Each structure stands twice: as C-alpha cells, then as structure tokens.
Amino acid sequence: MSQLVPPKPRRSNVRRRFALVASRFNARYVDGLVSHCTKELRALAPGSTVSLFRVPGAFEIPLIVRQVAAKKRTDAIIALGVILQGKTPHAEHLGLAVTNALQQASFEHGLPVIHAVLSLKNETQARKRCLEDEMNRGTEAARAAVEMTNVLAKLRK
C-alpha cells in the first residue's frame, strides 16, 4: 500500500452530491477520517453538498450505503470506518464482509462507493492514517470520489 495520499484531482465547479457513511465505533479515528474527507471535498468541489450518516459500527455501513444508493440522490458514497485487529480472526471476517458488500452495492447501483473502512493492526497505524495529514485515508477517499464522479460524468454524456 502506498505511503502517501494520491495527487489532487483538478478542482471542479460542478455541483456534486456526496454521502459519507461513517461508523461511530473507534470514533476518534473515524472522526479524523470524516474531518479530512469533508475538508478535501469542500476544497475540490466547493459547490457540492456533503451529507453524513452515522452508524454504530463497520458492519452496519453497507446497509446504509445501499439505502443511500437506492435513493439515487447522490453522485458518490464514501464509507468510513476503522477496524482494529484483535486476538481473534473477527476483524478479518468483518473487513472481508464489509468489502464484499460495498463492492456489491457499487455494482448494483452503478455508483462510486469509495471504500475507506480501514482494517488496521494497531492504534499507531490508525493515528497515521486517520488523524495525521501525510497519508490520511479520508483525504484519499475524497480525492477518489471526486475523480470517479468526474470520470462517470464524462462517460454518461
């Protein structure tokens, strides 16, 4: 996995609708992702709307992603969560289930679903990827969402 955040896409004056679906579990880290993601979306697509939906944990994210996608009122959805590895394989199972469900929702609705539900080994990794600026995955997710909406807009013309 890359250490740094990808370069910024060009700023767009096109109004887009972004939905963030974020877990409350591991709130300190997820709040960092939400904050960085929102800040980057506002910088890259200033006329856009950003809606935030909170869910209890990572496992609940895909259901709300699917419901938001079904309403067809958003251009991209960003799923934000943090799964910290424990002493059992639970985190691996959870991460795989969330990944598969997010991908299925994206395919089913033809909508970008940006996967930023991070499966991390420890809190050191969480701090670097969620709270700091150098490799923040919230920033990365926002850039991916903007880029995907731009690509899809060209394809759908």
N, C-alpha and C. Protein backbone atom coordinates (compact mmCIF):
# COMPACT_ATOMS: atom_id res chain seq x y z
N MET A 1 0.85 -1.17 0.00
CA MET A 1 0.00 0.00 0.00
C MET A 1 0.90 1.24 0.00
N SER A 2 0.49 2.20 -0.75
CA SER A 2 1.24 3.44 -0.85
C SER A 2 1.31 4.16 0.50
N GLN A 3 2.40 4.84 0.71
CA GLN A 3 2.57 5.58 1.95
C GLN A 3 1.92 6.96 1.89
N LEU A 4 1.82 7.53 0.71
CA LEU A 4 1.32 8.90 0.60
C LEU A 4 -0.04 8.94 -0.08
N VAL A 5 -0.72 10.04 0.12
CA VAL A 5 -2.03 10.27 -0.49
C VAL A 5 -1.80 10.58 -1.97
N PRO A 6 -2.67 10.08 -2.88
CA PRO A 6 -2.50 10.39 -4.30
C PRO A 6 -2.66 11.88 -4.58
N PRO A 7 -2.18 12.32 -5.72
CA PRO A 7 -2.28 13.76 -6.04
C PRO A 7 -3.73 14.20 -6.15
N LYS A 8 -3.93 15.49 -5.94
CA LYS A 8 -5.27 16.06 -6.01
C LYS A 8 -5.77 16.07 -7.44
N PRO A 9 -7.04 15.69 -7.63
CA PRO A 9 -7.63 15.93 -8.95
C PRO A 9 -7.89 17.43 -9.10
N ARG A 10 -8.17 17.84 -10.32
CA ARG A 10 -8.45 19.27 -10.53
C ARG A 10 -9.71 19.68 -9.79
N ARG A 11 -9.69 20.90 -9.31
CA ARG A 11 -10.85 21.46 -8.63
C ARG A 11 -11.99 21.58 -9.63
N SER A 12 -13.19 21.28 -9.17
CA SER A 12 -14.35 21.29 -10.06
C SER A 12 -15.41 22.24 -9.52
N ASN A 13 -15.99 23.00 -10.42
CA ASN A 13 -17.10 23.87 -10.03
C ASN A 13 -18.45 23.20 -10.26
N VAL A 14 -18.42 21.96 -10.73
CA VAL A 14 -19.65 21.20 -10.93
C VAL A 14 -20.19 20.81 -9.56
N ARG A 15 -21.47 21.01 -9.38
CA ARG A 15 -22.10 20.65 -8.10
C ARG A 15 -22.36 19.15 -8.06
N ARG A 16 -21.79 18.53 -7.07
CA ARG A 16 -21.97 17.10 -6.88
C ARG A 16 -22.61 16.87 -5.52
N ARG A 17 -23.13 15.67 -5.34
CA ARG A 17 -23.73 15.28 -4.07
C ARG A 17 -22.96 14.07 -3.54
N PHE A 18 -22.33 14.26 -2.40
CA PHE A 18 -21.55 13.20 -1.77
C PHE A 18 -22.23 12.78 -0.47
N ALA A 19 -22.23 11.49 -0.21
CA ALA A 19 -22.74 10.98 1.06
C ALA A 19 -21.61 10.24 1.76
N LEU A 20 -21.42 10.57 3.02
CA LEU A 20 -20.45 9.86 3.86
C LEU A 20 -21.23 8.96 4.79
N VAL A 21 -20.83 7.71 4.87
CA VAL A 21 -21.43 6.77 5.81
C VAL A 21 -20.30 6.35 6.74
N ALA A 22 -20.40 6.76 8.01
CA ALA A 22 -19.29 6.60 8.94
C ALA A 22 -19.70 5.87 10.21
N SER A 23 -18.82 5.03 10.65
CA SER A 23 -19.02 4.27 11.89
C SER A 23 -18.77 5.16 13.11
N ARG A 24 -19.50 4.87 14.19
CA ARG A 24 -19.23 5.53 15.46
C ARG A 24 -18.21 4.74 16.29
N PHE A 25 -18.02 3.47 15.96
CA PHE A 25 -17.04 2.65 16.67
C PHE A 25 -15.65 3.13 16.31
N ASN A 26 -14.75 3.17 17.27
CA ASN A 26 -13.42 3.76 17.09
C ASN A 26 -13.56 5.23 16.65
N ALA A 27 -14.44 5.92 17.33
CA ALA A 27 -14.87 7.27 16.94
C ALA A 27 -13.72 8.26 16.76
N ARG A 28 -12.74 8.21 17.61
CA ARG A 28 -11.63 9.18 17.49
C ARG A 28 -11.00 9.11 16.10
N TYR A 29 -10.77 7.90 15.63
CA TYR A 29 -10.12 7.73 14.33
C TYR A 29 -11.08 7.99 13.18
N VAL A 30 -12.29 7.50 13.30
CA VAL A 30 -13.27 7.72 12.24
C VAL A 30 -13.59 9.20 12.11
N ASP A 31 -13.67 9.91 13.23
CA ASP A 31 -13.91 11.36 13.17
C ASP A 31 -12.79 12.06 12.41
N GLY A 32 -11.56 11.58 12.56
CA GLY A 32 -10.44 12.14 11.80
C GLY A 32 -10.62 11.91 10.31
N LEU A 33 -11.06 10.71 9.94
CA LEU A 33 -11.33 10.42 8.53
C LEU A 33 -12.43 11.33 7.99
N VAL A 34 -13.51 11.46 8.75
CA VAL A 34 -14.64 12.30 8.33
C VAL A 34 -14.19 13.74 8.15
N SER A 35 -13.44 14.24 9.10
CA SER A 35 -12.98 15.62 9.05
C SER A 35 -12.09 15.88 7.83
N HIS A 36 -11.10 15.02 7.62
CA HIS A 36 -10.20 15.19 6.48
C HIS A 36 -10.95 15.01 5.15
N CYS A 37 -11.85 14.06 5.10
CA CYS A 37 -12.61 13.81 3.89
C CYS A 37 -13.49 15.01 3.54
N THR A 38 -14.21 15.51 4.52
CA THR A 38 -15.10 16.65 4.29
C THR A 38 -14.31 17.88 3.86
N LYS A 39 -13.22 18.13 4.52
CA LYS A 39 -12.37 19.28 4.18
C LYS A 39 -11.88 19.18 2.73
N GLU A 40 -11.46 18.00 2.33
CA GLU A 40 -10.95 17.82 0.96
C GLU A 40 -12.08 17.93 -0.07
N LEU A 41 -13.25 17.38 0.23
CA LEU A 41 -14.37 17.52 -0.69
C LEU A 41 -14.73 18.98 -0.88
N ARG A 42 -14.75 19.75 0.19
CA ARG A 42 -15.09 21.18 0.10
C ARG A 42 -14.05 21.95 -0.71
N ALA A 43 -12.79 21.52 -0.63
CA ALA A 43 -11.72 22.18 -1.40
C ALA A 43 -11.79 21.81 -2.88
N LEU A 44 -12.09 20.56 -3.19
CA LEU A 44 -12.07 20.09 -4.58
C LEU A 44 -13.37 20.34 -5.32
N ALA A 45 -14.47 20.37 -4.60
CA ALA A 45 -15.78 20.55 -5.22
C ALA A 45 -16.61 21.47 -4.34
N PRO A 46 -16.24 22.76 -4.30
CA PRO A 46 -16.81 23.68 -3.33
C PRO A 46 -18.32 23.89 -3.42
N GLY A 47 -18.93 23.70 -4.56
CA GLY A 47 -20.37 23.89 -4.68
C GLY A 47 -21.17 22.65 -4.33
N SER A 48 -20.49 21.60 -3.94
CA SER A 48 -21.15 20.32 -3.70
C SER A 48 -21.76 20.24 -2.31
N THR A 49 -22.68 19.29 -2.17
CA THR A 49 -23.27 19.01 -0.86
C THR A 49 -22.65 17.73 -0.31
N VAL A 50 -22.47 17.73 0.99
CA VAL A 50 -21.91 16.57 1.69
C VAL A 50 -22.87 16.22 2.82
N SER A 51 -23.41 15.01 2.76
CA SER A 51 -24.30 14.51 3.81
C SER A 51 -23.56 13.45 4.61
N LEU A 52 -23.82 13.42 5.90
CA LEU A 52 -23.16 12.45 6.78
C LEU A 52 -24.21 11.58 7.45
N PHE A 53 -24.01 10.27 7.35
CA PHE A 53 -24.87 9.29 8.01
C PHE A 53 -23.99 8.48 8.96
N ARG A 54 -24.36 8.46 10.23
CA ARG A 54 -23.60 7.71 11.24
C ARG A 54 -24.28 6.39 11.54
N VAL A 55 -23.46 5.36 11.69
CA VAL A 55 -23.95 4.02 12.03
C VAL A 55 -23.12 3.50 13.21
N PRO A 56 -23.64 2.48 13.93
CA PRO A 56 -22.92 2.00 15.11
C PRO A 56 -21.51 1.48 14.84
N GLY A 57 -21.36 0.64 13.83
CA GLY A 57 -20.06 0.03 13.57
C GLY A 57 -19.84 -0.22 12.10
N ALA A 58 -18.70 -0.82 11.79
CA ALA A 58 -18.34 -1.08 10.39
C ALA A 58 -19.32 -2.02 9.71
N PHE A 59 -19.81 -3.01 10.44
CA PHE A 59 -20.71 -3.99 9.85
C PHE A 59 -22.00 -3.36 9.34
N GLU A 60 -22.42 -2.28 9.95
CA GLU A 60 -23.67 -1.61 9.57
C GLU A 60 -23.50 -0.64 8.39
N ILE A 61 -22.29 -0.32 8.03
CA ILE A 61 -22.05 0.64 6.95
C ILE A 61 -22.68 0.20 5.62
N PRO A 62 -22.47 -1.03 5.15
CA PRO A 62 -23.00 -1.40 3.83
C PRO A 62 -24.52 -1.27 3.68
N LEU A 63 -25.28 -1.56 4.71
CA LEU A 63 -26.73 -1.43 4.60
C LEU A 63 -27.14 0.01 4.30
N ILE A 64 -26.54 0.95 5.02
CA ILE A 64 -26.89 2.36 4.80
C ILE A 64 -26.35 2.83 3.45
N VAL A 65 -25.18 2.35 3.06
CA VAL A 65 -24.65 2.67 1.73
C VAL A 65 -25.65 2.24 0.67
N ARG A 66 -26.14 1.05 0.81
CA ARG A 66 -27.09 0.51 -0.17
C ARG A 66 -28.39 1.33 -0.19
N GLN A 67 -28.88 1.72 0.98
CA GLN A 67 -30.11 2.52 1.04
C GLN A 67 -29.91 3.90 0.41
N VAL A 68 -28.78 4.52 0.69
CA VAL A 68 -28.48 5.83 0.11
C VAL A 68 -28.37 5.70 -1.41
N ALA A 69 -27.69 4.67 -1.87
CA ALA A 69 -27.52 4.46 -3.31
C ALA A 69 -28.87 4.24 -4.00
N ALA A 70 -29.75 3.51 -3.35
CA ALA A 70 -31.06 3.20 -3.94
C ALA A 70 -31.91 4.44 -4.15
N LYS A 71 -31.70 5.46 -3.33
CA LYS A 71 -32.48 6.70 -3.47
C LYS A 71 -32.09 7.50 -4.71
N LYS A 72 -30.90 7.23 -5.26
CA LYS A 72 -30.41 7.89 -6.48
C LYS A 72 -30.36 9.41 -6.34
N ARG A 73 -29.96 9.88 -5.17
CA ARG A 73 -29.84 11.32 -4.93
C ARG A 73 -28.41 11.73 -4.61
N THR A 74 -27.48 10.85 -4.91
CA THR A 74 -26.08 11.15 -4.62
C THR A 74 -25.21 10.72 -5.80
N ASP A 75 -24.08 11.38 -5.96
CA ASP A 75 -23.16 11.06 -7.05
C ASP A 75 -22.06 10.09 -6.63
N ALA A 76 -21.75 10.05 -5.36
CA ALA A 76 -20.75 9.11 -4.83
C ALA A 76 -20.96 8.96 -3.33
N ILE A 77 -20.65 7.77 -2.85
CA ILE A 77 -20.75 7.47 -1.42
C ILE A 77 -19.37 7.09 -0.92
N ILE A 78 -19.03 7.60 0.24
CA ILE A 78 -17.74 7.28 0.86
C ILE A 78 -18.02 6.58 2.18
N ALA A 79 -17.54 5.35 2.29
CA ALA A 79 -17.71 4.55 3.51
C ALA A 79 -16.46 4.72 4.37
N LEU A 80 -16.66 5.16 5.62
CA LEU A 80 -15.54 5.47 6.51
C LEU A 80 -15.68 4.69 7.82
N GLY A 81 -14.64 3.95 8.16
CA GLY A 81 -14.64 3.20 9.41
C GLY A 81 -13.24 2.71 9.74
N VAL A 82 -13.09 2.23 10.95
CA VAL A 82 -11.80 1.69 11.40
C VAL A 82 -12.05 0.38 12.13
N ILE A 83 -11.39 -0.66 11.64
CA ILE A 83 -11.43 -1.98 12.27
C ILE A 83 -10.02 -2.26 12.78
N LEU A 84 -9.89 -2.40 14.09
CA LEU A 84 -8.58 -2.70 14.66
C LEU A 84 -8.46 -4.20 14.92
N GLN A 85 -7.33 -4.76 14.52
CA GLN A 85 -7.09 -6.19 14.70
C GLN A 85 -7.06 -6.53 16.19
N GLY A 86 -7.65 -7.63 16.52
CA GLY A 86 -7.60 -8.13 17.89
C GLY A 86 -6.88 -9.46 17.92
N LYS A 87 -7.19 -10.28 18.90
CA LYS A 87 -6.51 -11.57 19.04
C LYS A 87 -7.26 -12.70 18.36
N THR A 88 -8.42 -12.40 17.81
CA THR A 88 -9.20 -13.41 17.09
C THR A 88 -9.33 -12.99 15.63
N PRO A 89 -9.81 -13.88 14.77
CA PRO A 89 -9.96 -13.53 13.35
C PRO A 89 -11.20 -12.67 13.05
N HIS A 90 -11.90 -12.22 14.07
CA HIS A 90 -13.12 -11.44 13.88
C HIS A 90 -12.90 -10.24 12.95
N ALA A 91 -11.84 -9.50 13.15
CA ALA A 91 -11.58 -8.30 12.33
C ALA A 91 -11.42 -8.67 10.86
N GLU A 92 -10.75 -9.77 10.57
CA GLU A 92 -10.58 -10.20 9.19
C GLU A 92 -11.92 -10.53 8.55
N HIS A 93 -12.75 -11.26 9.29
CA HIS A 93 -14.07 -11.62 8.77
C HIS A 93 -14.92 -10.37 8.53
N LEU A 94 -14.87 -9.46 9.47
CA LEU A 94 -15.62 -8.22 9.36
C LEU A 94 -15.16 -7.41 8.16
N GLY A 95 -13.86 -7.25 8.01
CA GLY A 95 -13.31 -6.49 6.89
C GLY A 95 -13.69 -7.07 5.55
N LEU A 96 -13.63 -8.39 5.43
CA LEU A 96 -13.98 -9.04 4.17
C LEU A 96 -15.47 -8.88 3.86
N ALA A 97 -16.31 -9.05 4.87
CA ALA A 97 -17.76 -8.89 4.67
C ALA A 97 -18.10 -7.47 4.23
N VAL A 98 -17.51 -6.49 4.87
CA VAL A 98 -17.77 -5.08 4.52
C VAL A 98 -17.29 -4.80 3.10
N THR A 99 -16.10 -5.26 2.78
CA THR A 99 -15.55 -5.04 1.43
C THR A 99 -16.46 -5.61 0.36
N ASN A 100 -16.86 -6.86 0.53
CA ASN A 100 -17.73 -7.50 -0.47
C ASN A 100 -19.07 -6.78 -0.60
N ALA A 101 -19.65 -6.39 0.51
CA ALA A 101 -20.95 -5.71 0.48
C ALA A 101 -20.85 -4.33 -0.18
N LEU A 102 -19.78 -3.61 0.09
CA LEU A 102 -19.61 -2.29 -0.54
C LEU A 102 -19.43 -2.42 -2.05
N GLN A 103 -18.64 -3.40 -2.45
CA GLN A 103 -18.44 -3.60 -3.88
C GLN A 103 -19.76 -3.99 -4.56
N GLN A 104 -20.52 -4.84 -3.93
CA GLN A 104 -21.81 -5.26 -4.48
C GLN A 104 -22.75 -4.06 -4.62
N ALA A 105 -22.81 -3.21 -3.62
CA ALA A 105 -23.67 -2.02 -3.69
C ALA A 105 -23.25 -1.11 -4.84
N SER A 106 -21.96 -0.95 -5.03
CA SER A 106 -21.46 -0.10 -6.12
C SER A 106 -21.88 -0.67 -7.47
N PHE A 107 -21.67 -1.96 -7.65
CA PHE A 107 -22.04 -2.59 -8.92
C PHE A 107 -23.55 -2.55 -9.16
N GLU A 108 -24.29 -2.85 -8.11
CA GLU A 108 -25.75 -2.93 -8.21
C GLU A 108 -26.37 -1.59 -8.62
N HIS A 109 -25.81 -0.49 -8.11
CA HIS A 109 -26.40 0.82 -8.34
C HIS A 109 -25.63 1.68 -9.34
N GLY A 110 -24.51 1.16 -9.87
CA GLY A 110 -23.72 1.93 -10.83
C GLY A 110 -23.23 3.24 -10.26
N LEU A 111 -22.83 3.20 -9.02
CA LEU A 111 -22.46 4.40 -8.27
C LEU A 111 -21.11 4.19 -7.60
N PRO A 112 -20.23 5.19 -7.64
CA PRO A 112 -18.97 5.02 -6.92
C PRO A 112 -19.21 4.89 -5.42
N VAL A 113 -18.71 3.82 -4.86
CA VAL A 113 -18.69 3.62 -3.42
C VAL A 113 -17.23 3.51 -3.04
N ILE A 114 -16.74 4.54 -2.39
CA ILE A 114 -15.33 4.60 -2.03
C ILE A 114 -15.14 3.89 -0.69
N HIS A 115 -14.27 2.93 -0.70
CA HIS A 115 -14.04 2.05 0.46
C HIS A 115 -12.91 2.63 1.32
N ALA A 116 -13.29 3.26 2.41
CA ALA A 116 -12.30 3.75 3.38
C ALA A 116 -12.66 3.21 4.76
N VAL A 117 -13.04 1.94 4.78
CA VAL A 117 -13.22 1.23 6.05
C VAL A 117 -11.91 0.49 6.25
N LEU A 118 -11.08 1.07 7.09
CA LEU A 118 -9.70 0.61 7.23
C LEU A 118 -9.59 -0.55 8.21
N SER A 119 -8.85 -1.55 7.83
CA SER A 119 -8.54 -2.67 8.71
C SER A 119 -7.07 -2.51 9.10
N LEU A 120 -6.85 -2.14 10.34
CA LEU A 120 -5.51 -1.76 10.78
C LEU A 120 -5.01 -2.65 11.91
N LYS A 121 -3.70 -2.78 12.00
CA LYS A 121 -3.10 -3.64 13.02
C LYS A 121 -3.18 -3.06 14.43
N ASN A 122 -3.03 -1.72 14.51
CA ASN A 122 -2.93 -1.13 15.85
C ASN A 122 -3.27 0.36 15.79
N GLU A 123 -3.25 0.98 16.97
CA GLU A 123 -3.59 2.40 17.05
C GLU A 123 -2.53 3.30 16.44
N THR A 124 -1.30 2.86 16.38
CA THR A 124 -0.26 3.65 15.71
C THR A 124 -0.60 3.82 14.24
N GLN A 125 -0.98 2.73 13.59
CA GLN A 125 -1.41 2.82 12.19
C GLN A 125 -2.66 3.69 12.07
N ALA A 126 -3.58 3.56 13.00
CA ALA A 126 -4.81 4.36 12.95
C ALA A 126 -4.50 5.85 13.05
N ARG A 127 -3.61 6.22 13.95
CA ARG A 127 -3.24 7.64 14.08
C ARG A 127 -2.67 8.17 12.77
N LYS A 128 -1.75 7.42 12.17
CA LYS A 128 -1.11 7.88 10.93
C LYS A 128 -2.09 8.02 9.79
N ARG A 129 -3.02 7.10 9.67
CA ARG A 129 -3.92 7.08 8.53
C ARG A 129 -5.20 7.87 8.73
N CYS A 130 -5.52 8.16 9.97
CA CYS A 130 -6.81 8.82 10.24
C CYS A 130 -6.69 10.23 10.82
N LEU A 131 -5.62 10.50 11.54
CA LEU A 131 -5.51 11.78 12.24
C LEU A 131 -4.45 12.70 11.65
N GLU A 132 -3.42 12.13 11.08
CA GLU A 132 -2.34 12.94 10.53
C GLU A 132 -2.61 13.30 9.08
N ASP A 133 -1.85 14.24 8.54
CA ASP A 133 -2.10 14.74 7.19
C ASP A 133 -1.35 13.98 6.10
N GLU A 134 -0.18 13.46 6.39
CA GLU A 134 0.70 12.93 5.34
C GLU A 134 0.08 11.79 4.53
N MET A 135 -0.57 10.85 5.19
CA MET A 135 -1.16 9.72 4.48
C MET A 135 -2.60 9.47 4.94
N ASN A 136 -3.34 10.53 5.11
CA ASN A 136 -4.70 10.42 5.62
C ASN A 136 -5.62 9.77 4.59
N ARG A 137 -6.27 8.71 5.01
CA ARG A 137 -7.14 7.96 4.09
C ARG A 137 -8.48 8.65 3.88
N GLY A 138 -8.87 9.56 4.73
CA GLY A 138 -10.06 10.36 4.49
C GLY A 138 -9.84 11.32 3.32
N THR A 139 -8.68 11.93 3.29
CA THR A 139 -8.30 12.80 2.17
C THR A 139 -8.26 12.00 0.89
N GLU A 140 -7.64 10.84 0.96
CA GLU A 140 -7.53 9.96 -0.21
C GLU A 140 -8.91 9.56 -0.72
N ALA A 141 -9.82 9.23 0.18
CA ALA A 141 -11.17 8.82 -0.21
C ALA A 141 -11.90 9.97 -0.91
N ALA A 142 -11.76 11.18 -0.42
CA ALA A 142 -12.40 12.34 -1.05
C ALA A 142 -11.87 12.53 -2.47
N ARG A 143 -10.57 12.40 -2.63
CA ARG A 143 -9.97 12.56 -3.97
C ARG A 143 -10.48 11.49 -4.92
N ALA A 144 -10.58 10.28 -4.44
CA ALA A 144 -11.09 9.19 -5.27
C ALA A 144 -12.55 9.45 -5.66
N ALA A 145 -13.35 9.93 -4.73
CA ALA A 145 -14.75 10.21 -5.01
C ALA A 145 -14.90 11.30 -6.07
N VAL A 146 -14.15 12.36 -5.95
CA VAL A 146 -14.22 13.44 -6.93
C VAL A 146 -13.77 12.95 -8.30
N GLU A 147 -12.68 12.21 -8.32
CA GLU A 147 -12.18 11.70 -9.59
C GLU A 147 -13.18 10.74 -10.24
N MET A 148 -13.78 9.88 -9.46
CA MET A 148 -14.76 8.93 -10.01
C MET A 148 -16.00 9.64 -10.53
N THR A 149 -16.47 10.66 -9.83
CA THR A 149 -17.65 11.38 -10.33
C THR A 149 -17.31 12.11 -11.63
N ASN A 150 -16.10 12.60 -11.75
CA ASN A 150 -15.69 13.26 -12.99
C ASN A 150 -15.63 12.27 -14.16
N VAL A 151 -15.06 11.10 -13.92
CA VAL A 151 -14.97 10.08 -14.96
C VAL A 151 -16.37 9.62 -15.38
N LEU A 152 -17.21 9.34 -14.41
CA LEU A 152 -18.57 8.89 -14.74
C LEU A 152 -19.36 9.96 -15.47
N ALA A 153 -19.18 11.21 -15.12
CA ALA A 153 -19.88 12.29 -15.80
C ALA A 153 -19.49 12.34 -17.28
N LYS A 154 -18.22 12.12 -17.57
CA LYS A 154 -17.76 12.10 -18.97
C LYS A 154 -18.36 10.90 -19.70
N LEU A 155 -18.36 9.75 -19.06
CA LEU A 155 -18.89 8.54 -19.69
C LEU A 155 -20.39 8.64 -19.96
N ARG A 156 -21.10 9.32 -19.12
CA ARG A 156 -22.56 9.37 -19.22
C ARG A 156 -23.06 10.49 -20.12
N LYS A 157 -22.16 11.30 -20.65
CA LYS A 157 -22.57 12.37 -21.57
C LYS A 157 -23.04 11.82 -22.89
